[in-house]
Every structure is written in C-alpha cells, then in structure tokens.
Protein backbone atom coordinates (compact mmCIF):
# COMPACT_ATOMS: atom_id res chain seq x y z
CA MET A 1 -53.64 -81.98 -114.69
CA LYS A 2 -51.05 -83.30 -117.19
CA THR A 3 -52.57 -85.95 -119.98
CA HIS A 4 -51.46 -87.84 -122.59
CA ARG A 5 -53.72 -87.75 -125.80
CA CYS A 6 -53.03 -89.62 -129.03
CA LYS A 7 -54.84 -91.36 -131.47
CA GLY A 8 -55.51 -94.15 -129.70
CA SER A 9 -56.26 -93.59 -126.62
CA LEU A 10 -58.92 -90.92 -127.63
CA ALA A 11 -60.60 -93.61 -130.53
CA ALA A 12 -60.85 -95.95 -127.36
CA HIS A 13 -61.89 -93.08 -125.12
CA ILE A 14 -59.57 -94.56 -122.58
CA PRO A 15 -57.97 -91.44 -120.85
CA ILE A 16 -54.07 -91.48 -119.80
CA ARG A 17 -53.74 -88.91 -116.55
CA LYS A 18 -50.53 -88.17 -114.17
CA CYS A 19 -52.33 -88.01 -110.98
CA MET A 20 -52.93 -89.87 -107.96
CA ARG A 21 -55.37 -92.87 -107.92
CA PHE A 22 -57.60 -91.46 -105.99
CA ASP A 23 -57.58 -87.70 -106.06
CA TRP A 24 -60.79 -87.24 -103.38
CA LEU A 25 -59.89 -89.67 -101.41
CA LYS A 26 -56.60 -88.91 -100.19
CA TYR A 27 -54.93 -91.83 -97.96
CA THR A 28 -51.12 -93.50 -97.30
CA GLY A 29 -49.48 -94.85 -100.34
CA ASP A 30 -51.07 -93.34 -103.01
CA THR A 31 -48.98 -91.18 -105.05
CA ILE A 32 -48.72 -89.37 -108.34
CA ALA A 33 -47.69 -91.51 -111.06
CA TRP A 34 -49.19 -91.58 -115.15
CA ARG A 35 -52.05 -93.77 -114.89
CA LEU A 36 -54.71 -95.07 -117.13
CA PHE A 37 -58.62 -95.25 -116.35
CA LYS A 38 -60.90 -96.38 -117.58
CA PRO A 39 -64.67 -94.63 -117.62
CA ARG A 40 -67.84 -96.00 -116.79
CA ALA A 41 -71.26 -94.54 -116.82
CA ASP A 42 -73.40 -94.33 -113.20
CA ASP A 43 -76.49 -96.28 -112.82
CA GLU A 44 -78.23 -93.12 -110.41
CA VAL A 45 -77.39 -90.42 -112.31
CA ILE A 46 -78.16 -90.12 -116.61
CA GLY A 47 -75.15 -88.48 -117.99
CA CYS A 48 -72.34 -88.98 -115.00
CA ILE A 49 -69.42 -90.39 -116.05
CA HIS A 50 -66.69 -92.51 -112.99
CA LEU A 51 -63.34 -93.16 -113.96
CA ASP A 52 -61.62 -96.47 -112.39
CA HIS A 53 -58.20 -96.70 -112.34
CA VAL A 54 -56.98 -99.18 -114.24
CA ALA A 55 -53.15 -98.94 -113.68
CA ALA A 56 -49.83 -97.27 -113.27
CA ILE A 57 -48.15 -97.55 -116.37
CA ASP A 58 -44.92 -95.75 -118.36
CA TYR A 59 -45.71 -96.43 -121.83
CA CYS A 60 -48.87 -95.39 -123.61
CA PRO A 61 -50.10 -98.72 -124.16
CA PHE A 62 -52.06 -97.29 -127.95
CA CYS A 63 -48.68 -95.44 -129.14
CA GLY A 64 -46.26 -96.47 -127.23
CA GLU A 65 -44.87 -93.63 -126.69
CA LYS A 66 -42.61 -93.42 -123.27
CA LEU A 67 -43.89 -90.78 -120.82
CA PRO A 68 -42.09 -88.68 -119.20
CA GLU A 69 -41.08 -89.03 -115.33
CA VAL A 70 -43.08 -87.79 -112.84
CA GLU A 71 -41.50 -85.57 -110.30
CA GLY A 72 -40.64 -85.79 -106.49
C-alpha cells in the first residue's frame, strides 16, 4: 500500500493512502484511488482503531501536493 505523509497529515493523524475504499470488502465499483481516512476508536475494544473513508482525493489537503496518478 502506498501512503502520502507530510507534516500536516502526520500532525492531524489523518492517513492518506492509495487503496480501495474498503480493502476488506470487495464490491463492484470500488477502485484504487488516493483516499483520505479519519481514525475512529472502537466503542467496544480498547485500543482498536478503525479508519473511516472520508473522500477520494487528487491533492493533499494539508500540503497541497498533487498525488501521483493511479495506474490501471
């Protein structure tokens, strides 16, 4: 999995990854893209963090860098 890390995304604890929206759930229409995720603590399991998909992006919202094109 490819990721984008810059000072802003690291400080905000916001992952930016090149992946499918739901890597664990394959469904028609899901494509590989640069995606912004928001971490969320699990309500039932202490220390477990889930990543909620926020949006597919072309530019980093923190540093403004254009993210590399997605192949395929």
